[in-house]
Amino acid sequence: MDKTSSTQDDNLNYKKLYELMKEVLENLNSNIGGWVIKKRAMAILDYGDTKFYEFVKDGKLEIRKIGNRIFVKFDSIIKLIESGSPNL
């Protein structure tokens, strides 16, 4: 292996490492102390605003609002999923 090829391999490895670290940090930021942002909760449940707020109104999702941001207790998402029908 020549020096140029080795440098290209190193650059590729650093790029892969950077992407992995970026993904880990994004995941850490999306679950803070057992809370996730509304957008992430909606993505997990695969529902839009209407159904999301129906769950909130029914007491199935625990939320907190800070300014314009809405946070959802992750445990309430898990409980909602586990309360669903086991059969399709």
Protein backbone atom coordinates (compact mmCIF):
# COMPACT_ATOMS: atom_id res chain seq x y z
CA MET A 1 0.00 0.00 0.00
CA ASP A 2 1.43 3.37 -0.95
CA LYS A 3 1.29 6.55 1.11
CA THR A 4 -1.55 8.10 -0.94
CA SER A 5 -3.75 5.04 -0.51
CA SER A 6 -3.04 4.99 3.23
CA THR A 7 -3.99 8.68 3.53
CA GLN A 8 -7.24 8.09 1.65
CA ASP A 9 -8.09 5.14 3.94
CA ASP A 10 -7.37 7.30 7.00
CA ASN A 11 -9.61 10.07 5.66
CA LEU A 12 -12.40 7.57 5.03
CA ASN A 13 -12.05 6.16 8.56
CA TYR A 14 -12.14 9.65 10.08
CA LYS A 15 -15.25 10.48 8.04
CA LYS A 16 -16.98 7.28 9.24
CA LEU A 17 -15.98 8.04 12.85
CA TYR A 18 -17.27 11.61 12.52
CA GLU A 19 -20.63 10.41 11.17
CA LEU A 20 -20.94 7.83 13.97
CA MET A 21 -20.13 10.42 16.65
CA LYS A 22 -22.63 12.84 15.10
CA GLU A 23 -25.35 10.17 15.20
CA VAL A 24 -24.59 9.32 18.85
CA LEU A 25 -24.77 12.98 19.86
CA GLU A 26 -28.06 13.46 18.01
CA ASN A 27 -29.50 10.44 19.84
CA LEU A 28 -28.30 11.78 23.19
CA ASN A 29 -29.89 15.14 22.50
CA SER A 30 -33.20 13.56 21.55
CA ASN A 31 -33.69 11.81 24.91
CA ILE A 32 -32.91 14.15 27.80
CA GLY A 33 -33.59 12.77 31.25
CA GLY A 34 -36.34 10.50 30.01
CA TRP A 35 -37.97 13.21 27.88
CA VAL A 36 -38.06 13.45 24.09
CA ILE A 37 -39.10 16.32 21.86
CA LYS A 38 -42.60 16.19 20.38
CA LYS A 39 -41.30 15.65 16.85
CA ARG A 40 -39.38 12.54 17.94
CA ALA A 41 -42.38 11.20 19.89
CA MET A 42 -44.59 11.65 16.84
CA ALA A 43 -42.01 9.86 14.68
CA ILE A 44 -41.80 6.96 17.13
CA LEU A 45 -45.59 6.58 17.19
CA ASP A 46 -45.98 7.40 13.48
CA TYR A 47 -48.89 9.77 14.16
CA GLY A 48 -49.53 13.41 13.31
CA ASP A 49 -50.63 16.35 15.45
CA THR A 50 -54.31 15.41 15.71
CA LYS A 51 -53.73 11.91 17.09
CA PHE A 52 -50.83 13.13 19.24
CA TYR A 53 -53.04 15.69 21.00
CA GLU A 54 -55.82 13.10 21.33
CA PHE A 55 -53.38 10.93 23.30
CA VAL A 56 -52.43 13.95 25.43
CA LYS A 57 -56.11 14.84 26.08
CA ASP A 58 -56.85 11.23 27.07
CA GLY A 59 -53.92 11.29 29.52
CA LYS A 60 -52.01 8.64 27.59
CA LEU A 61 -49.00 10.89 26.90
CA GLU A 62 -47.36 13.03 29.57
CA ILE A 63 -46.06 16.33 28.22
CA ARG A 64 -44.33 19.49 29.43
CA LYS A 65 -44.16 22.76 27.54
CA ILE A 66 -41.23 25.15 27.81
CA GLY A 67 -41.67 28.19 25.60
CA ASN A 68 -42.63 26.85 22.18
CA ARG A 69 -41.04 23.44 22.79
CA ILE A 70 -43.07 20.41 23.85
CA PHE A 71 -41.41 17.47 25.58
CA VAL A 72 -42.96 14.02 26.03
CA LYS A 73 -42.12 11.64 28.86
CA PHE A 74 -40.55 8.63 27.14
CA ASP A 75 -42.08 6.23 29.67
CA SER A 76 -45.56 7.39 28.64
CA ILE A 77 -44.73 6.52 25.01
CA ILE A 78 -43.66 3.02 26.10
CA LYS A 79 -46.83 2.57 28.19
CA LEU A 80 -48.98 3.69 25.26
CA ILE A 81 -47.29 1.18 22.96
CA GLU A 82 -47.58 -1.62 25.53
CA SER A 83 -51.28 -0.85 26.08
CA GLY A 84 -52.02 -1.52 22.41
CA SER A 85 -53.55 -4.69 21.13
CA PRO A 86 -51.04 -7.59 20.92
CA ASN A 87 -52.90 -9.00 17.89
CA LEU A 88 -53.29 -7.39 14.51
